[in-house]
Amino acid sequence: MAKKKWSELSTQAKVGVVSLAAVEAVVTTIAARDLHGRTDAQVNGPRWLWRIAFFVQPFGPVGYLIFGRKR
């Protein structure tokens, strides 16, 4: 299947792509702010590793929010 150009996508597909990108940005921002506000003792694993994991979209930020925080 060949890649489609943006101009070749339907309006519905464009809305879907932009919506998912917005959700991804919000989740990443929430995770980054949460990590910034916690101490090392409140985080499972090294903080620097979680910061790098945030670049693995969307699994890094979601993984942090589920597994990275101590309750």
N, C-alpha and C. Protein backbone atom coordinates (compact mmCIF):
# COMPACT_ATOMS: atom_id res chain seq x y z
N MET A 1 0.83 -1.17 0.00
CA MET A 1 0.00 0.00 0.00
C MET A 1 0.89 1.24 0.00
N ALA A 2 0.70 2.08 -0.98
CA ALA A 2 1.51 3.29 -1.11
C ALA A 2 1.05 4.34 -0.11
N LYS A 3 2.00 5.14 0.36
CA LYS A 3 1.66 6.23 1.27
C LYS A 3 0.85 7.28 0.53
N LYS A 4 -0.13 7.82 1.21
CA LYS A 4 -0.93 8.88 0.62
C LYS A 4 -0.38 10.22 1.07
N LYS A 5 -0.50 11.20 0.20
CA LYS A 5 -0.13 12.56 0.56
C LYS A 5 -1.28 13.16 1.36
N TRP A 6 -0.98 14.18 2.12
CA TRP A 6 -1.99 14.85 2.93
C TRP A 6 -3.17 15.30 2.06
N SER A 7 -2.86 15.82 0.90
CA SER A 7 -3.91 16.32 0.01
C SER A 7 -4.81 15.21 -0.53
N GLU A 8 -4.34 13.97 -0.48
CA GLU A 8 -5.12 12.84 -0.97
C GLU A 8 -6.04 12.24 0.10
N LEU A 9 -5.86 12.65 1.35
CA LEU A 9 -6.69 12.12 2.42
C LEU A 9 -8.07 12.77 2.42
N SER A 10 -9.06 12.01 2.85
CA SER A 10 -10.40 12.57 2.98
C SER A 10 -10.44 13.52 4.17
N THR A 11 -11.46 14.34 4.23
CA THR A 11 -11.61 15.27 5.35
C THR A 11 -11.72 14.50 6.65
N GLN A 12 -12.44 13.40 6.64
CA GLN A 12 -12.60 12.59 7.84
C GLN A 12 -11.25 12.02 8.30
N ALA A 13 -10.43 11.59 7.38
CA ALA A 13 -9.11 11.07 7.72
C ALA A 13 -8.21 12.18 8.28
N LYS A 14 -8.29 13.36 7.70
CA LYS A 14 -7.50 14.49 8.21
C LYS A 14 -7.90 14.85 9.63
N VAL A 15 -9.21 14.88 9.88
CA VAL A 15 -9.70 15.18 11.23
C VAL A 15 -9.21 14.12 12.21
N GLY A 16 -9.23 12.87 11.80
CA GLY A 16 -8.74 11.79 12.65
C GLY A 16 -7.27 11.92 12.98
N VAL A 17 -6.46 12.24 12.00
CA VAL A 17 -5.02 12.39 12.21
C VAL A 17 -4.74 13.55 13.17
N VAL A 18 -5.39 14.69 12.93
CA VAL A 18 -5.17 15.87 13.77
C VAL A 18 -5.68 15.60 15.19
N SER A 19 -6.81 14.93 15.33
CA SER A 19 -7.35 14.61 16.65
C SER A 19 -6.42 13.70 17.44
N LEU A 20 -5.92 12.65 16.79
CA LEU A 20 -4.99 11.74 17.47
C LEU A 20 -3.69 12.45 17.85
N ALA A 21 -3.22 13.33 16.99
CA ALA A 21 -2.00 14.09 17.31
C ALA A 21 -2.23 14.99 18.52
N ALA A 22 -3.41 15.60 18.61
CA ALA A 22 -3.73 16.46 19.74
C ALA A 22 -3.81 15.66 21.03
N VAL A 23 -4.44 14.50 20.98
CA VAL A 23 -4.53 13.64 22.17
C VAL A 23 -3.13 13.20 22.60
N GLU A 24 -2.31 12.84 21.65
CA GLU A 24 -0.93 12.43 21.94
C GLU A 24 -0.15 13.56 22.61
N ALA A 25 -0.31 14.77 22.12
CA ALA A 25 0.38 15.92 22.70
C ALA A 25 -0.10 16.19 24.13
N VAL A 26 -1.40 16.07 24.35
CA VAL A 26 -1.95 16.30 25.69
C VAL A 26 -1.45 15.24 26.67
N VAL A 27 -1.48 13.99 26.27
CA VAL A 27 -1.03 12.91 27.17
C VAL A 27 0.46 13.07 27.48
N THR A 28 1.25 13.43 26.50
CA THR A 28 2.68 13.63 26.72
C THR A 28 2.92 14.80 27.68
N THR A 29 2.16 15.87 27.51
CA THR A 29 2.30 17.03 28.40
C THR A 29 1.90 16.68 29.83
N ILE A 30 0.82 15.95 29.99
CA ILE A 30 0.39 15.53 31.33
C ILE A 30 1.46 14.67 31.98
N ALA A 31 2.00 13.72 31.24
CA ALA A 31 3.02 12.83 31.78
C ALA A 31 4.29 13.61 32.15
N ALA A 32 4.71 14.51 31.29
CA ALA A 32 5.93 15.29 31.55
C ALA A 32 5.76 16.19 32.78
N ARG A 33 4.60 16.82 32.90
CA ARG A 33 4.36 17.68 34.07
C ARG A 33 4.30 16.85 35.34
N ASP A 34 3.68 15.68 35.27
CA ASP A 34 3.61 14.81 36.44
C ASP A 34 5.00 14.37 36.86
N LEU A 35 5.82 13.96 35.90
CA LEU A 35 7.19 13.52 36.22
C LEU A 35 7.99 14.67 36.82
N HIS A 36 7.81 15.85 36.30
CA HIS A 36 8.55 17.02 36.80
C HIS A 36 8.18 17.33 38.26
N GLY A 37 6.94 17.07 38.63
CA GLY A 37 6.49 17.40 39.97
C GLY A 37 6.73 16.32 41.01
N ARG A 38 7.32 15.22 40.63
CA ARG A 38 7.57 14.12 41.57
C ARG A 38 9.05 14.03 41.94
N THR A 39 9.29 13.49 43.12
CA THR A 39 10.66 13.23 43.54
C THR A 39 11.09 11.86 43.01
N ASP A 40 12.37 11.58 43.12
CA ASP A 40 12.88 10.27 42.67
C ASP A 40 12.20 9.13 43.41
N ALA A 41 11.88 9.34 44.68
CA ALA A 41 11.26 8.29 45.49
C ALA A 41 9.82 8.01 45.05
N GLN A 42 9.22 8.92 44.32
CA GLN A 42 7.83 8.75 43.88
C GLN A 42 7.71 8.18 42.48
N VAL A 43 8.86 7.82 41.88
CA VAL A 43 8.88 7.33 40.50
C VAL A 43 9.49 5.94 40.46
N ASN A 44 8.86 5.04 39.73
CA ASN A 44 9.42 3.71 39.51
C ASN A 44 10.47 3.80 38.40
N GLY A 45 11.71 3.57 38.74
CA GLY A 45 12.78 3.62 37.74
C GLY A 45 13.40 5.00 37.66
N PRO A 46 14.45 5.12 36.87
CA PRO A 46 15.16 6.40 36.75
C PRO A 46 14.33 7.42 35.95
N ARG A 47 14.31 8.64 36.47
CA ARG A 47 13.54 9.71 35.82
C ARG A 47 14.06 10.01 34.42
N TRP A 48 15.37 9.97 34.23
CA TRP A 48 15.94 10.29 32.92
C TRP A 48 15.47 9.29 31.88
N LEU A 49 15.28 8.04 32.28
CA LEU A 49 14.82 7.01 31.35
C LEU A 49 13.37 7.26 30.94
N TRP A 50 12.55 7.70 31.89
CA TRP A 50 11.16 8.04 31.54
C TRP A 50 11.11 9.23 30.59
N ARG A 51 12.00 10.20 30.79
CA ARG A 51 12.02 11.35 29.87
C ARG A 51 12.34 10.89 28.44
N ILE A 52 13.26 9.97 28.31
CA ILE A 52 13.58 9.44 26.98
C ILE A 52 12.41 8.64 26.43
N ALA A 53 11.73 7.89 27.31
CA ALA A 53 10.59 7.07 26.88
C ALA A 53 9.45 7.93 26.33
N PHE A 54 9.36 9.18 26.74
CA PHE A 54 8.30 10.06 26.23
C PHE A 54 8.41 10.27 24.72
N PHE A 55 9.57 10.05 24.16
CA PHE A 55 9.74 10.19 22.71
C PHE A 55 9.20 8.99 21.93
N VAL A 56 8.93 7.90 22.63
CA VAL A 56 8.36 6.71 21.99
C VAL A 56 6.84 6.86 22.06
N GLN A 57 6.29 7.48 21.05
CA GLN A 57 4.86 7.80 21.06
C GLN A 57 4.04 6.64 20.56
N PRO A 58 2.90 6.40 21.11
CA PRO A 58 2.29 6.96 22.32
C PRO A 58 2.59 6.11 23.55
N PHE A 59 3.43 5.10 23.41
CA PHE A 59 3.64 4.12 24.48
C PHE A 59 4.43 4.66 25.67
N GLY A 60 5.39 5.53 25.45
CA GLY A 60 6.20 6.05 26.55
C GLY A 60 5.40 6.82 27.57
N PRO A 61 4.67 7.86 27.15
CA PRO A 61 3.89 8.62 28.13
C PRO A 61 2.79 7.80 28.80
N VAL A 62 2.12 6.97 28.04
CA VAL A 62 1.07 6.12 28.62
C VAL A 62 1.69 5.12 29.59
N GLY A 63 2.82 4.55 29.21
CA GLY A 63 3.51 3.61 30.10
C GLY A 63 3.91 4.27 31.40
N TYR A 64 4.40 5.51 31.31
CA TYR A 64 4.76 6.23 32.54
C TYR A 64 3.53 6.43 33.42
N LEU A 65 2.44 6.88 32.83
CA LEU A 65 1.24 7.17 33.62
C LEU A 65 0.69 5.90 34.27
N ILE A 66 0.87 4.75 33.64
CA ILE A 66 0.36 3.50 34.20
C ILE A 66 1.35 2.85 35.15
N PHE A 67 2.63 2.76 34.74
CA PHE A 67 3.61 2.00 35.51
C PHE A 67 4.68 2.83 36.20
N GLY A 68 4.90 4.06 35.79
CA GLY A 68 6.03 4.84 36.27
C GLY A 68 5.83 5.56 37.59
N ARG A 69 4.57 5.70 38.00
CA ARG A 69 4.30 6.45 39.22
C ARG A 69 4.01 5.52 40.39
N LYS A 70 4.61 5.84 41.52
CA LYS A 70 4.30 5.09 42.73
C LYS A 70 3.07 5.75 43.36
N ARG A 71 2.18 4.94 43.84
CA ARG A 71 0.93 5.48 44.42
C ARG A 71 1.08 5.65 45.92
